[in-house]
Amino acid sequence: MDGGSTDGTIDIIKKWEHLLSGWRSHRDDGQASAINEGIALGKAPFVCWLNSDDLFLPDGLKKLLFRLMDLPDAPMVYGQAWNHIYPSGKLTPIWVEPFSVLRLSRRCIIAQPATLIRRSAWESVCGLNKHLQMAMDYDLWWRLYRQVGNPCFLDQFVAINTIHQNTKTTTRRRLHYREAMGIVYKYYGSIPLKWWLYIPYSVCYKTIRNRLLRYFNEIGY
């Protein structure tokens, strides 16, 4: 589900077209809407999505599938994931924990690339909220928990998430926090102090640091 890219994405898609069940490229209503559209085209009993810079580890999807098949009452399963820091290539573990409502209220403890969702659960909550731009996955975990049941944790590494200087979570931190805090208030009823304490560090310090890194990269320092 491509939003009309002009950066060479279409050439890459066409290279692998013979292995795809289908694809499209045109202007759409945003990431969440495109993901909903893509999943609606399928019929498999389990669903997930990967962004263009993320990937499953070998047998990662199989591990998630077998775990979810063993738990007929669970709406979804999620595993451990690595952050791949580009361009250094460094791998660091994403902060993922066994499911707890209290912990979920303090941070997103689920790594989206490392998830597999039962289609019936996905459809019961109507997929992603297309009005969100940054924290649509965090909102989805809350709705699946509230309306269907507890997500299941698989303590194995199954996926890799790529972090680079142009990702939305890097360049739009303030909006990310605003959406995430609104989600916590909506489903938890209050916003834990941790969110207010962490904002200055994450939004201000990291934003300045990333801008300096981009500048030094541009000048070849």
C-alpha atoms as a PDB file:
ATOM      1  CA  MET A   1       0.000   0.000   0.000  1.00  0.00           C
ATOM      2  CA  ASP A   2       2.121   2.871  -1.297  1.00  0.00           C
ATOM      3  CA  GLY A   3       1.021   6.498  -1.031  1.00  0.00           C
ATOM      4  CA  GLY A   4       2.293   7.572  -4.435  1.00  0.00           C
ATOM      5  CA  SER A   5       6.037   7.571  -3.740  1.00  0.00           C
ATOM      6  CA  THR A   6       8.418   9.237  -6.179  1.00  0.00           C
ATOM      7  CA  ASP A   7      11.638   8.065  -4.498  1.00  0.00           C
ATOM      8  CA  GLY A   8      12.206   4.819  -6.400  1.00  0.00           C
ATOM      9  CA  THR A   9       9.811   2.750  -4.285  1.00  0.00           C
ATOM     10  CA  ILE A  10       7.771   1.678  -7.316  1.00  0.00           C
ATOM     11  CA  ASP A  11      10.845   0.245  -9.034  1.00  0.00           C
ATOM     12  CA  ILE A  12      11.557  -1.882  -5.972  1.00  0.00           C
ATOM     13  CA  ILE A  13       7.936  -3.057  -5.777  1.00  0.00           C
ATOM     14  CA  LYS A  14       7.947  -4.055  -9.442  1.00  0.00           C
ATOM     15  CA  LYS A  15      11.154  -6.028  -8.926  1.00  0.00           C
ATOM     16  CA  TRP A  16       9.343  -8.264  -6.435  1.00  0.00           C
ATOM     17  CA  GLU A  17       5.881  -8.033  -7.985  1.00  0.00           C
ATOM     18  CA  HIS A  18       5.847 -11.745  -8.883  1.00  0.00           C
ATOM     19  CA  LEU A  19       5.926 -12.588  -5.163  1.00  0.00           C
ATOM     20  CA  LEU A  20       3.130 -10.198  -4.138  1.00  0.00           C
ATOM     21  CA  SER A  21      -0.586 -10.930  -4.108  1.00  0.00           C
ATOM     22  CA  GLY A  22      -1.159  -7.322  -5.125  1.00  0.00           C
ATOM     23  CA  TRP A  23      -0.109  -3.720  -4.639  1.00  0.00           C
ATOM     24  CA  ARG A  24      -1.152  -0.185  -5.434  1.00  0.00           C
ATOM     25  CA  SER A  25       0.417   3.269  -5.455  1.00  0.00           C
ATOM     26  CA  HIS A  26      -1.605   6.469  -5.292  1.00  0.00           C
ATOM     27  CA  ARG A  27      -2.343   9.321  -2.926  1.00  0.00           C
ATOM     28  CA  ASP A  28      -4.368   8.091   0.035  1.00  0.00           C
ATOM     29  CA  ASP A  29      -5.715   9.250   3.393  1.00  0.00           C
ATOM     30  CA  GLY A  30      -2.570   8.412   5.337  1.00  0.00           C
ATOM     31  CA  GLN A  31      -0.754   5.486   6.898  1.00  0.00           C
ATOM     32  CA  ALA A  32      -3.547   4.122   9.101  1.00  0.00           C
ATOM     33  CA  SER A  33      -6.094   4.281   6.286  1.00  0.00           C
ATOM     34  CA  ALA A  34      -3.699   2.516   3.897  1.00  0.00           C
ATOM     35  CA  ILE A  35      -3.036  -0.282   6.394  1.00  0.00           C
ATOM     36  CA  ASN A  36      -6.764  -0.763   6.943  1.00  0.00           C
ATOM     37  CA  GLU A  37      -7.249  -0.916   3.179  1.00  0.00           C
ATOM     38  CA  GLY A  38      -4.527  -3.512   2.693  1.00  0.00           C
ATOM     39  CA  ILE A  39      -5.721  -5.792   5.485  1.00  0.00           C
ATOM     40  CA  ALA A  40      -9.329  -5.568   4.236  1.00  0.00           C
ATOM     41  CA  LEU A  41      -8.188  -7.104   0.936  1.00  0.00           C
ATOM     42  CA  GLY A  42      -7.038 -10.292   2.668  1.00  0.00           C
ATOM     43  CA  LYS A  43      -8.936 -13.291   4.000  1.00  0.00           C
ATOM     44  CA  ALA A  44      -6.388 -14.973   6.283  1.00  0.00           C
ATOM     45  CA  PRO A  45      -7.490 -15.511   9.921  1.00  0.00           C
ATOM     46  CA  PHE A  46      -4.450 -13.599  11.209  1.00  0.00           C
ATOM     47  CA  VAL A  47      -3.225 -10.133  10.216  1.00  0.00           C
ATOM     48  CA  CYS A  48      -0.239  -7.849  10.711  1.00  0.00           C
ATOM     49  CA  TRP A  49       1.660  -5.163   8.849  1.00  0.00           C
ATOM     50  CA  LEU A  50       5.254  -4.107   8.308  1.00  0.00           C
ATOM     51  CA  ASN A  51       6.404  -0.640   7.338  1.00  0.00           C
ATOM     52  CA  SER A  52       8.873  -0.428   4.466  1.00  0.00           C
ATOM     53  CA  ASP A  53      11.929  -0.178   6.725  1.00  0.00           C
ATOM     54  CA  ASP A  54      11.017  -3.013   9.140  1.00  0.00           C
ATOM     55  CA  LEU A  55      11.298  -6.791   8.801  1.00  0.00           C
ATOM     56  CA  PHE A  56      10.656 -10.156  10.423  1.00  0.00           C
ATOM     57  CA  LEU A  57      13.554 -12.259  11.610  1.00  0.00           C
ATOM     58  CA  PRO A  58      13.816 -15.751  10.069  1.00  0.00           C
ATOM     59  CA  ASP A  59      10.862 -17.823  11.403  1.00  0.00           C
ATOM     60  CA  GLY A  60       9.664 -14.763  13.358  1.00  0.00           C
ATOM     61  CA  LEU A  61       6.213 -14.768  11.800  1.00  0.00           C
ATOM     62  CA  LYS A  62       5.978 -18.553  12.221  1.00  0.00           C
ATOM     63  CA  LYS A  63       6.735 -18.253  15.944  1.00  0.00           C
ATOM     64  CA  LEU A  64       3.998 -15.653  16.381  1.00  0.00           C
ATOM     65  CA  LEU A  65       1.536 -17.733  14.375  1.00  0.00           C
ATOM     66  CA  PHE A  66       2.095 -20.947  16.346  1.00  0.00           C
ATOM     67  CA  ARG A  67       1.801 -19.083  19.634  1.00  0.00           C
ATOM     68  CA  LEU A  68      -1.462 -17.405  18.656  1.00  0.00           C
ATOM     69  CA  MET A  69      -2.910 -20.674  17.351  1.00  0.00           C
ATOM     70  CA  ASP A  70      -2.300 -22.165  20.804  1.00  0.00           C
ATOM     71  CA  LEU A  71      -4.293 -19.343  22.464  1.00  0.00           C
ATOM     72  CA  PRO A  72      -7.785 -19.213  20.899  1.00  0.00           C
ATOM     73  CA  ASP A  73      -8.990 -16.548  23.336  1.00  0.00           C
ATOM     74  CA  ALA A  74      -6.100 -14.117  22.822  1.00  0.00           C
ATOM     75  CA  PRO A  75      -6.751 -11.213  20.408  1.00  0.00           C
ATOM     76  CA  MET A  76      -3.067 -10.909  19.499  1.00  0.00           C
ATOM     77  CA  VAL A  77       0.455 -12.017  20.302  1.00  0.00           C
ATOM     78  CA  TYR A  78       3.599  -9.898  20.412  1.00  0.00           C
ATOM     79  CA  GLY A  79       7.264 -10.777  20.738  1.00  0.00           C
ATOM     80  CA  GLN A  80      10.598  -9.126  21.347  1.00  0.00           C
ATOM     81  CA  ALA A  81      12.122  -6.873  18.671  1.00  0.00           C
ATOM     82  CA  TRP A  82      15.378  -5.114  17.894  1.00  0.00           C
ATOM     83  CA  ASN A  83      15.915  -1.489  17.001  1.00  0.00           C
ATOM     84  CA  HIS A  84      18.250  -1.249  14.011  1.00  0.00           C
ATOM     85  CA  ILE A  85      20.042   2.101  14.189  1.00  0.00           C
ATOM     86  CA  TYR A  86      20.709   3.375  10.667  1.00  0.00           C
ATOM     87  CA  PRO A  87      23.314   3.941   9.293  1.00  0.00           C
ATOM     88  CA  SER A  88      25.542   2.562  12.093  1.00  0.00           C
ATOM     89  CA  GLY A  89      23.924  -0.885  11.926  1.00  0.00           C
ATOM     90  CA  LYS A  90      23.822  -1.141  15.718  1.00  0.00           C
ATOM     91  CA  LEU A  91      21.104  -3.375  17.195  1.00  0.00           C
ATOM     92  CA  THR A  92      19.522  -2.530  20.545  1.00  0.00           C
ATOM     93  CA  PRO A  93      16.517  -4.290  22.119  1.00  0.00           C
ATOM     94  CA  ILE A  94      13.216  -2.421  22.085  1.00  0.00           C
ATOM     95  CA  TRP A  95      11.584  -1.975  25.498  1.00  0.00           C
ATOM     96  CA  VAL A  96       9.010  -4.804  25.411  1.00  0.00           C
ATOM     97  CA  GLU A  97       7.369  -6.353  28.491  1.00  0.00           C
ATOM     98  CA  PRO A  98       4.751  -8.966  29.410  1.00  0.00           C
ATOM     99  CA  PHE A  99       1.327  -7.371  29.196  1.00  0.00           C
ATOM    100  CA  SER A 100       0.201  -5.194  32.097  1.00  0.00           C
ATOM    101  CA  VAL A 101      -2.398  -2.426  31.981  1.00  0.00           C
ATOM    102  CA  LEU A 102      -0.421  -0.395  34.500  1.00  0.00           C
ATOM    103  CA  ARG A 103       2.766  -0.651  32.433  1.00  0.00           C
ATOM    104  CA  LEU A 104       0.897   0.046  29.187  1.00  0.00           C
ATOM    105  CA  SER A 105      -0.379   3.285  30.737  1.00  0.00           C
ATOM    106  CA  ARG A 106       3.206   4.417  31.302  1.00  0.00           C
ATOM    107  CA  ARG A 107       4.725   3.514  27.936  1.00  0.00           C
ATOM    108  CA  CYS A 108       4.006   1.473  24.829  1.00  0.00           C
ATOM    109  CA  ILE A 109       5.340  -1.951  25.864  1.00  0.00           C
ATOM    110  CA  ILE A 110       4.427  -3.595  22.522  1.00  0.00           C
ATOM    111  CA  ALA A 111       6.656  -3.337  19.425  1.00  0.00           C
ATOM    112  CA  GLN A 112       4.374  -3.091  16.397  1.00  0.00           C
ATOM    113  CA  PRO A 113       6.574  -4.996  13.870  1.00  0.00           C
ATOM    114  CA  ALA A 114       6.632  -7.949  16.307  1.00  0.00           C
ATOM    115  CA  THR A 115       2.854  -8.466  16.452  1.00  0.00           C
ATOM    116  CA  LEU A 116       0.260 -10.809  14.982  1.00  0.00           C
ATOM    117  CA  ILE A 117      -3.470 -10.131  15.420  1.00  0.00           C
ATOM    118  CA  ARG A 118      -6.473 -12.389  15.047  1.00  0.00           C
ATOM    119  CA  ARG A 119      -8.569 -11.077  12.153  1.00  0.00           C
ATOM    120  CA  SER A 120     -11.796 -11.447  14.127  1.00  0.00           C
ATOM    121  CA  ALA A 121     -10.318  -9.203  16.851  1.00  0.00           C
ATOM    122  CA  TRP A 122      -9.034  -6.698  14.274  1.00  0.00           C
ATOM    123  CA  GLU A 123     -12.461  -6.462  12.650  1.00  0.00           C
ATOM    124  CA  SER A 124     -14.268  -6.212  15.988  1.00  0.00           C
ATOM    125  CA  VAL A 125     -12.387  -2.975  16.769  1.00  0.00           C
ATOM    126  CA  CYS A 126     -12.549  -1.761  13.125  1.00  0.00           C
ATOM    127  CA  GLY A 127      -8.769  -1.758  12.656  1.00  0.00           C
ATOM    128  CA  LEU A 128      -6.672   1.360  13.071  1.00  0.00           C
ATOM    129  CA  ASN A 129      -8.007   4.803  13.883  1.00  0.00           C
ATOM    130  CA  LYS A 130      -7.389   6.667  10.611  1.00  0.00           C
ATOM    131  CA  HIS A 131      -7.509  10.028  12.391  1.00  0.00           C
ATOM    132  CA  LEU A 132      -4.235   9.303  14.213  1.00  0.00           C
ATOM    133  CA  GLN A 133      -0.909   9.981  12.517  1.00  0.00           C
ATOM    134  CA  MET A 134       1.677   8.822  15.040  1.00  0.00           C
ATOM    135  CA  ALA A 135       0.310   6.535  17.762  1.00  0.00           C
ATOM    136  CA  MET A 136      -2.261   4.482  15.862  1.00  0.00           C
ATOM    137  CA  ASP A 137      -0.677   1.215  16.999  1.00  0.00           C
ATOM    138  CA  TYR A 138      -0.691   2.285  20.680  1.00  0.00           C
ATOM    139  CA  ASP A 139      -4.392   3.131  20.329  1.00  0.00           C
ATOM    140  CA  LEU A 140      -5.016  -0.284  18.725  1.00  0.00           C
ATOM    141  CA  TRP A 141      -3.419  -2.197  21.628  1.00  0.00           C
ATOM    142  CA  TRP A 142      -5.676  -0.369  24.078  1.00  0.00           C
ATOM    143  CA  ARG A 143      -8.830  -1.064  22.078  1.00  0.00           C
ATOM    144  CA  LEU A 144      -7.975  -4.737  21.588  1.00  0.00           C
ATOM    145  CA  TYR A 145      -7.403  -5.085  25.327  1.00  0.00           C
ATOM    146  CA  ARG A 146     -10.575  -3.195  26.266  1.00  0.00           C
ATOM    147  CA  GLN A 147     -12.913  -4.844  23.777  1.00  0.00           C
ATOM    148  CA  VAL A 148     -11.487  -8.350  23.268  1.00  0.00           C
ATOM    149  CA  GLY A 149      -8.957  -9.416  25.895  1.00  0.00           C
ATOM    150  CA  ASN A 150      -5.358  -9.423  27.056  1.00  0.00           C
ATOM    151  CA  PRO A 151      -2.622  -9.565  24.395  1.00  0.00           C
ATOM    152  CA  CYS A 152      -0.200 -12.463  24.818  1.00  0.00           C
ATOM    153  CA  PHE A 153       3.559 -11.970  25.176  1.00  0.00           C
ATOM    154  CA  LEU A 154       6.085 -14.243  23.421  1.00  0.00           C
ATOM    155  CA  ASP A 155       9.544 -13.890  24.969  1.00  0.00           C
ATOM    156  CA  GLN A 156      11.471 -14.425  21.730  1.00  0.00           C
ATOM    157  CA  PHE A 157      12.973 -11.992  19.216  1.00  0.00           C
ATOM    158  CA  VAL A 158      10.905 -12.043  16.040  1.00  0.00           C
ATOM    159  CA  ALA A 159      11.341  -8.685  14.244  1.00  0.00           C
ATOM    160  CA  ILE A 160      13.534  -5.660  13.576  1.00  0.00           C
ATOM    161  CA  ASN A 161      12.435  -2.018  13.647  1.00  0.00           C
ATOM    162  CA  THR A 162      14.620   0.504  11.808  1.00  0.00           C
ATOM    163  CA  ILE A 163      15.377   3.901  13.321  1.00  0.00           C
ATOM    164  CA  HIS A 164      16.797   6.675  11.151  1.00  0.00           C
ATOM    165  CA  GLN A 165      16.769  10.458  11.187  1.00  0.00           C
ATOM    166  CA  ASN A 166      13.775  10.812   8.861  1.00  0.00           C
ATOM    167  CA  THR A 167      11.246   8.552  10.619  1.00  0.00           C
ATOM    168  CA  LYS A 168       8.050  10.189  11.813  1.00  0.00           C
ATOM    169  CA  THR A 169       8.780   9.332  15.438  1.00  0.00           C
ATOM    170  CA  THR A 170      12.131  11.111  15.137  1.00  0.00           C
ATOM    171  CA  THR A 171      10.968  14.260  13.334  1.00  0.00           C
ATOM    172  CA  ARG A 172       7.509  14.718  14.911  1.00  0.00           C
ATOM    173  CA  ARG A 173       8.069  13.898  18.567  1.00  0.00           C
ATOM    174  CA  ARG A 174       5.739  16.571  19.928  1.00  0.00           C
ATOM    175  CA  LEU A 175       2.755  15.261  17.932  1.00  0.00           C
ATOM    176  CA  HIS A 176       3.675  11.700  18.896  1.00  0.00           C
ATOM    177  CA  TYR A 177       3.560  12.544  22.583  1.00  0.00           C
ATOM    178  CA  ARG A 178       0.349  14.539  22.242  1.00  0.00           C
ATOM    179  CA  GLU A 179      -1.432  11.620  20.570  1.00  0.00           C
ATOM    180  CA  ALA A 180      -0.018   9.036  22.992  1.00  0.00           C
ATOM    181  CA  MET A 181      -1.002  11.043  26.074  1.00  0.00           C
ATOM    182  CA  GLY A 182      -4.502  11.564  24.675  1.00  0.00           C
ATOM    183  CA  ILE A 183      -4.810   7.805  24.175  1.00  0.00           C
ATOM    184  CA  VAL A 184      -3.697   7.055  27.741  1.00  0.00           C
ATOM    185  CA  TYR A 185      -6.196   9.557  29.150  1.00  0.00           C
ATOM    186  CA  LYS A 186      -9.000   8.159  26.993  1.00  0.00           C
ATOM    187  CA  TYR A 187      -8.530   4.503  27.967  1.00  0.00           C
ATOM    188  CA  TYR A 188      -6.819   4.718  31.369  1.00  0.00           C
ATOM    189  CA  GLY A 189      -8.622   7.757  32.759  1.00  0.00           C
ATOM    190  CA  SER A 190      -5.516   9.695  33.810  1.00  0.00           C
ATOM    191  CA  ILE A 191      -2.014  10.493  32.561  1.00  0.00           C
ATOM    192  CA  PRO A 192       0.792   9.088  34.745  1.00  0.00           C
ATOM    193  CA  LEU A 193       3.437  11.548  35.908  1.00  0.00           C
ATOM    194  CA  LYS A 194       6.082   9.734  33.852  1.00  0.00           C
ATOM    195  CA  TRP A 195       4.703  11.236  30.633  1.00  0.00           C
ATOM    196  CA  TRP A 196       5.064  14.798  31.893  1.00  0.00           C
ATOM    197  CA  LEU A 197       8.594  14.179  33.198  1.00  0.00           C
ATOM    198  CA  TYR A 198       9.847  12.528  30.020  1.00  0.00           C
ATOM    199  CA  ILE A 199       8.525  15.093  27.530  1.00  0.00           C
ATOM    200  CA  PRO A 200      11.348  17.674  27.988  1.00  0.00           C
ATOM    201  CA  TYR A 201      14.009  15.004  27.403  1.00  0.00           C
ATOM    202  CA  SER A 202      12.382  13.247  24.482  1.00  0.00           C
ATOM    203  CA  VAL A 203      10.927  16.243  22.664  1.00  0.00           C
ATOM    204  CA  CYS A 204      13.526  18.934  23.304  1.00  0.00           C
ATOM    205  CA  TYR A 205      16.872  17.211  23.873  1.00  0.00           C
ATOM    206  CA  LYS A 206      16.417  14.454  21.274  1.00  0.00           C
ATOM    207  CA  THR A 207      15.037  16.888  18.687  1.00  0.00           C
ATOM    208  CA  ILE A 208      18.064  19.182  19.057  1.00  0.00           C
ATOM    209  CA  ARG A 209      20.458  16.216  18.992  1.00  0.00           C
ATOM    210  CA  ASN A 210      18.926  14.785  15.819  1.00  0.00           C
ATOM    211  CA  ARG A 211      19.008  18.161  14.070  1.00  0.00           C
ATOM    212  CA  LEU A 212      22.703  18.493  14.883  1.00  0.00           C
ATOM    213  CA  LEU A 213      23.384  14.977  13.607  1.00  0.00           C
ATOM    214  CA  ARG A 214      21.594  15.743  10.329  1.00  0.00           C
ATOM    215  CA  TYR A 215      23.586  18.973   9.967  1.00  0.00           C
ATOM    216  CA  PHE A 216      26.930  17.266  10.534  1.00  0.00           C
ATOM    217  CA  ASN A 217      26.005  14.487   8.101  1.00  0.00           C
ATOM    218  CA  GLU A 218      25.085  17.063   5.439  1.00  0.00           C
ATOM    219  CA  ILE A 219      28.416  18.877   5.761  1.00  0.00           C
ATOM    220  CA  GLY A 220      30.345  15.606   5.917  1.00  0.00           C
ATOM    221  CA  TYR A 221      31.776  16.245   9.386  1.00  0.00           C
END
